[in-house]
């Protein structure tokens, strides 16, 4: 996850590393960003740091905090929540609704479906009050989390995304939030974001994400619209590739219509898959190098990445990459599993950096006995 934030917040667009990188298509939107989630690399962007009205894309952060409360067992999916007058009067705000009222006690699971699948503002308020106690406390939680992730162009004033002075985000920051939902809570993402319709209180509503019905690889995420924001869509797709499943995430802001936000998002996703390859450099748990260990109970140890290492490159350029390892030398026991001892650097043939991945110890190495330590001390002194 730290690699994800480094790439996004440092504006590390991988296309800058290649002399003849694919040119993105023309996108009819005020701003956009395309992220390869598999490699944590931005493939294309325009006006990605501009502060904009995020509309209902705001609810991605609302959902993340509810998921976090579920993970911490502060609430449960079967738990019922009261519907306050404040949630009920959301129907006067002109936005999307789940159509709950104060006589109801919907379950958290129902409210999540109402907030995510049909973008119910009333559901978002009910969930926020149930988790934070008050809307004000929950909004503070949203802003603290945004700060913890280093989001520099985001400030929340509400949980729904209705236009309000001082409520803003950016394409890059929204990509970070969306990627956190995907990575931190994959089980909840799979359960809620692919819902194509939801019926509550005998009212059937369709998910406004048109790509769910057009592209079988698209399995979420969130639409948004206000007059100030225009039509917005964050879409996520996962397609099978020769070396495994590859996920892309597109953020398209400020289009002219529902159809435009869908078609422009589809255009970006298709380009990301057709013009770029995600190359797996190393598998999870497999050593990138085996190196000597001093004063340990074993003479060598494998160094690798915490997870599989992917790099996205222009199609056909995967075999042109070079890798180098910078590491602590000498490595002296004891060494803990997962201890960082170096960096794997990936570059183009011209030497332009593409990625820097932390290298960790794959298996713990306990310290040797007194004699072994003394002998290696002599060897190190001679060396």
Protein backbone atom coordinates (compact mmCIF):
# COMPACT_ATOMS: atom_id res chain seq x y z
CA UNK A 1 0.00 0.00 0.00
CA UNK A 2 2.89 2.37 0.68
CA UNK A 3 4.04 1.80 -2.91
CA UNK A 4 0.57 2.81 -4.11
CA UNK A 5 0.63 6.10 -2.20
CA UNK A 6 4.18 6.82 -3.34
CA UNK A 7 3.25 6.42 -6.98
CA UNK A 8 0.03 8.37 -6.81
CA UNK A 9 1.01 11.25 -4.56
CA UNK A 10 4.39 11.79 -6.20
CA UNK A 11 2.69 11.95 -9.61
CA UNK A 12 4.90 9.09 -10.81
CA UNK A 13 3.30 8.55 -14.22
CA UNK A 14 5.11 5.65 -15.77
CA UNK A 15 4.72 6.90 -19.34
CA UNK A 16 7.34 9.57 -18.61
CA UNK A 17 9.94 6.81 -18.28
CA UNK A 18 9.67 5.64 -21.87
CA UNK A 19 10.84 7.47 -24.94
CA UNK A 20 7.89 6.39 -27.08
CA UNK A 21 5.11 5.82 -24.59
CA UNK A 22 1.58 5.22 -25.89
CA UNK A 23 -0.43 8.39 -26.19
CA UNK A 24 -3.74 8.31 -24.30
CA UNK A 25 -6.98 8.76 -26.23
CA UNK A 26 -8.86 12.03 -26.29
CA UNK A 27 -11.13 12.02 -23.24
CA UNK A 28 -14.11 14.40 -23.16
CA UNK A 29 -13.87 15.26 -19.46
CA UNK A 30 -12.60 18.07 -17.27
CA UNK A 31 -10.05 15.75 -15.71
CA UNK A 32 -9.15 12.08 -15.54
CA UNK A 33 -6.63 9.54 -14.27
CA UNK A 34 -5.99 5.91 -15.21
CA UNK A 35 -4.30 3.74 -12.60
CA UNK A 36 -2.94 0.24 -13.09
CA UNK A 37 -3.79 -1.14 -9.64
CA UNK A 38 -1.77 -4.30 -10.26
CA UNK A 39 1.52 -2.39 -10.59
CA UNK A 40 0.48 0.77 -8.71
CA UNK A 41 1.33 2.97 -11.70
CA UNK A 42 -0.48 5.91 -13.25
CA UNK A 43 -0.74 5.37 -17.01
CA UNK A 44 -2.47 8.60 -18.02
CA UNK A 45 -3.81 11.75 -16.40
CA UNK A 46 -5.08 15.24 -17.10
CA UNK A 47 -5.82 17.90 -14.48
CA UNK A 48 -5.48 15.13 -11.91
CA UNK A 49 -4.63 17.48 -9.04
CA UNK A 50 -7.26 20.13 -9.71
CA UNK A 51 -9.66 20.61 -6.80
CA UNK A 52 -13.17 19.76 -7.97
CA UNK A 53 -16.61 19.02 -6.61
CA UNK A 54 -16.49 15.20 -6.10
CA UNK A 55 -20.29 14.72 -5.96
CA UNK A 56 -21.25 11.20 -4.82
CA UNK A 57 -17.71 9.93 -5.30
CA UNK A 58 -17.47 11.29 -1.75
CA UNK A 59 -19.29 8.14 -0.65
CA UNK A 60 -16.17 6.07 -1.33
CA UNK A 61 -14.63 7.55 1.81
CA UNK A 62 -17.93 7.18 3.67
CA UNK A 63 -17.98 3.50 2.71
CA UNK A 64 -14.31 2.96 3.64
CA UNK A 65 -14.94 4.18 7.18
CA UNK A 66 -18.01 1.96 7.53
CA UNK A 67 -16.01 -1.02 6.28
CA UNK A 68 -13.28 -0.15 8.76
CA UNK A 69 -15.83 -0.10 11.59
CA UNK A 70 -17.06 -3.53 10.46
CA UNK A 71 -13.50 -4.88 10.44
CA UNK A 72 -12.92 -3.52 13.94
CA UNK A 73 -16.22 -5.15 15.02
CA UNK A 74 -17.63 -1.83 16.19
CA UNK A 75 -20.73 -2.65 14.13
CA UNK A 76 -22.05 -5.73 12.30
CA UNK A 77 -23.81 -6.20 8.98
CA UNK A 78 -26.93 -7.53 10.74
CA UNK A 79 -27.05 -4.62 13.18
CA UNK A 80 -30.02 -2.31 12.76
CA UNK A 81 -29.63 1.46 12.73
CA UNK A 82 -32.11 4.17 13.44
CA UNK A 83 -33.11 6.64 10.76
CA UNK A 84 -32.88 10.17 12.10
CA UNK A 85 -34.88 13.13 10.91
CA UNK A 86 -31.61 14.44 9.52
CA UNK A 87 -31.30 11.38 7.30
CA UNK A 88 -34.97 11.55 6.32
CA UNK A 89 -34.83 15.19 5.22
CA UNK A 90 -32.14 14.31 2.67
CA UNK A 91 -35.08 13.83 0.32
CA UNK A 92 -35.37 17.60 0.27
CA UNK A 93 -31.81 18.01 -0.99
CA UNK A 94 -32.54 16.84 -4.51
CA UNK A 95 -30.06 13.96 -4.59
CA UNK A 96 -30.35 10.18 -4.87
CA UNK A 97 -32.25 8.31 -2.16
CA UNK A 98 -32.73 4.83 -0.77
CA UNK A 99 -36.12 6.02 0.59
CA UNK A 100 -35.81 5.25 4.30
CA UNK A 101 -37.81 7.06 6.98
CA UNK A 102 -37.74 7.41 10.79
CA UNK A 103 -40.21 4.55 11.27
CA UNK A 104 -37.69 2.09 9.81
CA UNK A 105 -34.70 0.32 11.36
CA UNK A 106 -32.69 -0.90 8.36
CA UNK A 107 -29.69 -3.18 8.77
CA UNK A 108 -26.16 -2.01 8.06
CA UNK A 109 -26.07 -4.40 5.10
CA UNK A 110 -29.22 -2.81 3.64
CA UNK A 111 -27.87 0.69 4.16
CA UNK A 112 -24.59 -0.20 2.45
CA UNK A 113 -26.49 -1.54 -0.54
CA UNK A 114 -28.61 1.60 -0.60
CA UNK A 115 -25.59 3.91 -0.39
CA UNK A 116 -23.36 2.07 -2.86
CA UNK A 117 -25.71 0.54 -5.45
CA UNK A 118 -28.20 3.41 -5.73
CA UNK A 119 -26.13 6.21 -4.13
CA UNK A 120 -28.68 6.97 -1.42
CA UNK A 121 -27.82 10.16 0.44
CA UNK A 122 -30.21 9.16 3.22
CA UNK A 123 -28.40 5.83 3.61
CA UNK A 124 -25.03 7.61 3.80
CA UNK A 125 -26.27 9.88 6.59
CA UNK A 126 -27.76 6.97 8.55
CA UNK A 127 -24.52 5.01 8.32
CA UNK A 128 -22.41 8.02 9.27
CA UNK A 129 -24.53 8.71 12.33
CA UNK A 130 -24.47 5.04 13.28
CA UNK A 131 -20.67 4.85 13.10
CA UNK A 132 -19.66 8.33 14.25
CA UNK A 133 -22.53 9.21 16.55
CA UNK A 134 -23.07 12.48 14.72
CA UNK A 135 -22.47 13.66 11.19
CA UNK A 136 -19.94 16.21 12.42
CA UNK A 137 -17.86 13.55 14.14
CA UNK A 138 -17.98 11.31 11.07
CA UNK A 139 -16.90 14.13 8.74
CA UNK A 140 -13.95 14.75 11.09
CA UNK A 141 -13.11 11.05 10.74
CA UNK A 142 -13.17 11.41 6.95
CA UNK A 143 -10.79 14.34 7.02
CA UNK A 144 -8.43 12.65 9.48
CA UNK A 145 -8.25 9.62 7.22
CA UNK A 146 -7.62 11.80 4.18
CA UNK A 147 -4.76 13.47 6.05
CA UNK A 148 -3.36 10.10 7.15
CA UNK A 149 -3.21 9.06 3.48
CA UNK A 150 -1.50 12.31 2.54
CA UNK A 151 -4.33 13.60 0.34
CA UNK A 152 -3.40 17.22 -0.32
CA UNK A 153 -6.37 18.25 -2.48
CA UNK A 154 -9.25 16.81 -0.47
CA UNK A 155 -11.47 18.30 2.19
CA UNK A 156 -14.83 16.93 3.25
CA UNK A 157 -17.76 18.93 4.57
CA UNK A 158 -20.43 16.23 4.27
CA UNK A 159 -20.83 12.47 3.77
CA UNK A 160 -23.00 12.53 0.64
CA UNK A 161 -21.20 14.72 -1.88
CA UNK A 162 -23.87 17.39 -2.22
CA UNK A 163 -22.26 20.64 -3.30
CA UNK A 164 -21.03 22.66 -0.32
CA UNK A 165 -18.41 25.39 0.05
CA UNK A 166 -15.07 23.87 1.04
CA UNK A 167 -16.02 20.33 -0.03
CA UNK A 168 -13.58 19.19 -2.71
CA UNK A 169 -11.25 16.48 -3.94
CA UNK A 170 -9.17 15.65 -7.03
CA UNK A 171 -8.86 12.81 -9.51
CA UNK A 172 -5.59 11.66 -7.94
CA UNK A 173 -6.93 11.75 -4.39
CA UNK A 174 -10.11 9.95 -5.41
CA UNK A 175 -7.99 7.25 -7.04
CA UNK A 176 -6.16 6.77 -3.73
CA UNK A 177 -9.45 6.42 -1.84
CA UNK A 178 -10.89 4.01 -4.40
CA UNK A 179 -7.72 1.92 -4.39
CA UNK A 180 -7.88 1.71 -0.59
CA UNK A 181 -11.43 0.36 -0.81
CA UNK A 182 -10.26 -2.24 -3.33
CA UNK A 183 -7.16 -3.32 -1.44
CA UNK A 184 -8.23 -2.94 2.19
CA UNK A 185 -11.69 -4.49 1.91
CA UNK A 186 -11.82 -6.80 -1.14
CA UNK A 187 -14.63 -8.86 0.37
CA UNK A 188 -16.90 -5.82 0.79
CA UNK A 189 -15.93 -4.48 -2.62
CA UNK A 190 -17.00 -7.77 -4.20
CA UNK A 191 -20.26 -7.84 -2.25
CA UNK A 192 -21.53 -4.33 -2.91
CA UNK A 193 -19.92 -2.52 -5.85
CA UNK A 194 -20.99 -4.95 -8.55
CA UNK A 195 -24.72 -4.77 -7.65
CA UNK A 196 -26.60 -3.73 -10.77
CA UNK A 197 -29.86 -2.92 -8.98
CA UNK A 198 -31.32 -2.83 -5.51
CA UNK A 199 -34.89 -3.06 -4.23
CA UNK A 200 -35.80 -1.63 -0.83
CA UNK A 201 -39.27 -0.94 0.53
CA UNK A 202 -40.68 -2.22 -2.79
CA UNK A 203 -38.78 0.46 -4.70
CA UNK A 204 -36.49 -0.97 -7.38
CA UNK A 205 -33.58 1.18 -8.57
CA UNK A 206 -30.74 0.55 -11.01
CA UNK A 207 -27.06 1.17 -10.38
CA UNK A 208 -26.12 4.20 -12.48
CA UNK A 209 -22.76 2.66 -13.45
CA UNK A 210 -23.65 1.69 -17.03
CA UNK A 211 -20.39 -0.21 -17.51
CA UNK A 212 -21.59 -2.96 -15.16
CA UNK A 213 -23.94 -4.06 -17.93
CA UNK A 214 -21.64 -3.39 -20.86
CA UNK A 215 -18.22 -4.72 -19.90
CA UNK A 216 -18.11 -8.04 -18.01
CA UNK A 217 -14.67 -7.16 -16.63
CA UNK A 218 -16.03 -4.06 -14.86
CA UNK A 219 -17.09 -4.93 -11.29
CA UNK A 220 -17.53 -1.43 -9.74
CA UNK A 221 -17.13 1.35 -8.51
CA UNK A 222 -19.07 4.65 -8.13
CA UNK A 223 -20.94 7.32 -10.07
CA UNK A 224 -21.50 10.93 -9.12
CA UNK A 225 -23.38 13.94 -10.39
CA UNK A 226 -24.12 17.47 -9.30
CA UNK A 227 -24.56 20.55 -11.44
CA UNK A 228 -21.18 21.80 -10.23
CA UNK A 229 -19.37 18.48 -10.74
CA UNK A 230 -20.92 17.30 -13.97
CA UNK A 231 -21.21 13.56 -14.60
CA UNK A 232 -18.42 11.58 -12.94
CA UNK A 233 -17.46 7.92 -12.78
CA UNK A 234 -14.80 5.83 -11.09
CA UNK A 235 -14.73 2.44 -12.81
CA UNK A 236 -12.68 -0.62 -11.94
CA UNK A 237 -12.06 -3.59 -14.21
CA UNK A 238 -10.19 -6.87 -13.79
CA UNK A 239 -9.21 -8.86 -16.88
CA UNK A 240 -7.35 -12.14 -17.18
CA UNK A 241 -3.89 -11.73 -18.70
CA UNK A 242 -1.21 -14.34 -19.54
CA UNK A 243 0.52 -13.77 -16.18
CA UNK A 244 -2.60 -13.39 -14.04
CA UNK A 245 -5.51 -11.05 -13.43
CA UNK A 246 -4.80 -7.35 -14.01
CA UNK A 247 -6.90 -4.57 -12.50
CA UNK A 248 -7.27 -1.03 -13.85
CA UNK A 249 -9.04 1.91 -12.23
CA UNK A 250 -10.27 4.92 -14.18
CA UNK A 251 -11.36 8.25 -12.70
CA UNK A 252 -13.32 10.45 -15.10
CA UNK A 253 -14.62 13.81 -13.86
CA UNK A 254 -16.87 16.48 -15.32
CA UNK A 255 -18.36 14.88 -18.43
CA UNK A 256 -21.49 16.16 -20.12
CA UNK A 257 -23.85 13.21 -19.61
CA UNK A 258 -24.35 9.76 -18.13
CA UNK A 259 -23.53 8.22 -21.48
CA UNK A 260 -20.36 10.29 -21.81
CA UNK A 261 -18.98 9.30 -18.42
CA UNK A 262 -19.51 5.64 -19.32
CA UNK A 263 -18.08 5.83 -22.83
CA UNK A 264 -15.07 7.93 -21.83
CA UNK A 265 -14.29 5.58 -18.94
CA UNK A 266 -14.59 2.57 -21.25
CA UNK A 267 -12.24 4.27 -23.70
CA UNK A 268 -9.59 4.75 -21.01
CA UNK A 269 -9.88 1.21 -19.68
CA UNK A 270 -9.64 -0.35 -23.15
CA UNK A 271 -6.58 1.75 -23.97
CA UNK A 272 -4.92 0.77 -20.70
CA UNK A 273 -5.31 -2.91 -21.50
CA UNK A 274 -4.46 -2.72 -25.20
CA UNK A 275 -1.49 -0.32 -25.13
CA UNK A 276 0.25 -1.49 -21.94
CA UNK A 277 1.51 -4.75 -20.47
CA UNK A 278 1.81 -5.56 -16.78
CA UNK A 279 5.04 -7.57 -16.43
CA UNK A 280 5.49 -9.77 -13.38
CA UNK A 281 9.12 -9.48 -12.36
CA UNK A 282 8.94 -11.66 -9.26
CA UNK A 283 6.33 -13.86 -7.63
CA UNK A 284 5.25 -13.35 -4.04
CA UNK A 285 7.55 -15.14 -1.61
CA UNK A 286 10.14 -15.99 -4.29
CA UNK A 287 13.67 -14.64 -3.79
CA UNK A 288 14.99 -11.93 -6.08
CA UNK A 289 18.46 -12.73 -4.72
CA UNK A 290 20.15 -15.11 -2.28
CA UNK A 291 22.90 -13.43 -0.28
CA UNK A 292 25.42 -14.27 2.42
CA UNK A 293 24.56 -13.82 6.11
CA UNK A 294 27.17 -13.28 8.79
CA UNK A 295 26.97 -14.50 12.41
CA UNK A 296 23.79 -16.45 11.63
CA UNK A 297 22.61 -20.03 12.06
CA UNK A 298 22.49 -20.33 8.27
CA UNK A 299 25.01 -19.00 5.73
CA UNK A 300 22.57 -17.42 3.24
CA UNK A 301 19.09 -15.92 3.06
CA UNK A 302 16.64 -15.11 0.29
CA UNK A 303 15.62 -11.50 -0.29
CA UNK A 304 12.40 -10.64 -2.07
CA UNK A 305 9.38 -8.37 -2.12
CA UNK A 306 6.49 -8.61 0.33
CA UNK A 307 4.17 -9.42 -2.59
CA UNK A 308 4.40 -10.12 -6.30
CA UNK A 309 6.21 -7.36 -8.20
CA UNK A 310 4.58 -6.05 -11.36
CA UNK A 311 5.68 -3.21 -13.62
CA UNK A 312 3.51 -1.79 -16.38
CA UNK A 313 5.29 -0.98 -19.65
CA UNK A 314 4.29 -0.11 -23.22
CA UNK A 315 3.15 -3.27 -24.96
CA UNK A 316 6.13 -5.34 -26.07
CA UNK A 317 8.71 -3.53 -23.92
CA UNK A 318 8.76 -5.98 -21.01
CA UNK A 319 12.00 -7.65 -22.06
CA UNK A 320 13.82 -4.30 -22.22
CA UNK A 321 13.71 -3.56 -18.49
CA UNK A 322 16.76 -3.80 -16.25
CA UNK A 323 16.81 -4.52 -12.52
CA UNK A 324 19.42 -3.73 -9.88
CA UNK A 325 19.54 -4.46 -6.17
CA UNK A 326 20.81 -2.08 -3.52
CA UNK A 327 21.14 -3.75 -0.13
CA UNK A 328 22.78 -3.67 3.25
CA UNK A 329 26.22 -5.29 3.16
CA UNK A 330 27.24 -7.12 5.21
CA UNK A 331 24.01 -8.68 6.45
CA UNK A 332 24.53 -9.59 10.09
CA UNK A 333 22.17 -11.86 12.05
CA UNK A 334 19.77 -11.86 13.72
CA UNK A 335 17.43 -11.05 10.84
CA UNK A 336 13.64 -11.01 11.21
CA UNK A 337 11.28 -12.25 8.52
CA UNK A 338 9.95 -9.20 6.65
CA UNK A 339 12.85 -6.99 7.76
CA UNK A 340 13.73 -4.48 5.05
CA UNK A 341 17.35 -4.72 3.96
CA UNK A 342 17.42 -3.23 0.48
CA UNK A 343 15.65 -1.95 -2.62
CA UNK A 344 14.97 -3.51 -6.00
CA UNK A 345 15.22 -0.82 -8.68
CA UNK A 346 13.63 -1.22 -12.11
CA UNK A 347 14.72 1.00 -15.00
CA UNK A 348 14.46 1.42 -18.76
CA UNK A 349 17.49 0.60 -20.93
CA UNK A 350 18.34 4.31 -20.82
CA UNK A 351 18.51 4.16 -17.04
CA UNK A 352 15.26 6.00 -16.30
CA UNK A 353 13.74 4.74 -13.05
CA UNK A 354 10.39 3.00 -13.36
CA UNK A 355 9.92 1.52 -9.87
CA UNK A 356 11.69 1.05 -6.55
CA UNK A 357 10.46 -1.90 -4.49
CA UNK A 358 11.51 -2.59 -0.87
CA UNK A 359 13.42 -5.87 -0.47
CA UNK A 360 12.78 -7.84 2.70
CA UNK A 361 14.15 -10.95 4.39
CA UNK A 362 11.98 -13.90 3.36
CA UNK A 363 12.96 -16.20 6.22
CA UNK A 364 14.18 -15.31 9.71
CA UNK A 365 17.85 -15.99 10.48
CA UNK A 366 18.59 -16.47 14.21
CA UNK A 367 21.95 -15.48 15.60
CA UNK A 368 24.65 -18.15 15.65
CA UNK A 369 26.28 -19.46 18.81
CA UNK A 370 29.31 -17.88 20.48
CA UNK A 371 31.86 -19.77 18.38
CA UNK A 372 30.07 -19.04 15.10
CA UNK A 373 29.80 -15.33 15.89
CA UNK A 374 33.46 -15.16 16.88
CA UNK A 375 34.58 -16.94 13.69
CA UNK A 376 32.53 -14.63 11.44
CA UNK A 377 33.88 -11.61 13.32
CA UNK A 378 37.38 -12.70 12.34
CA UNK A 379 36.30 -13.30 8.72
CA UNK A 380 34.66 -9.86 8.52
CA UNK A 381 37.79 -8.23 9.93
CA UNK A 382 39.92 -9.96 7.28
CA UNK A 383 37.40 -8.99 4.58
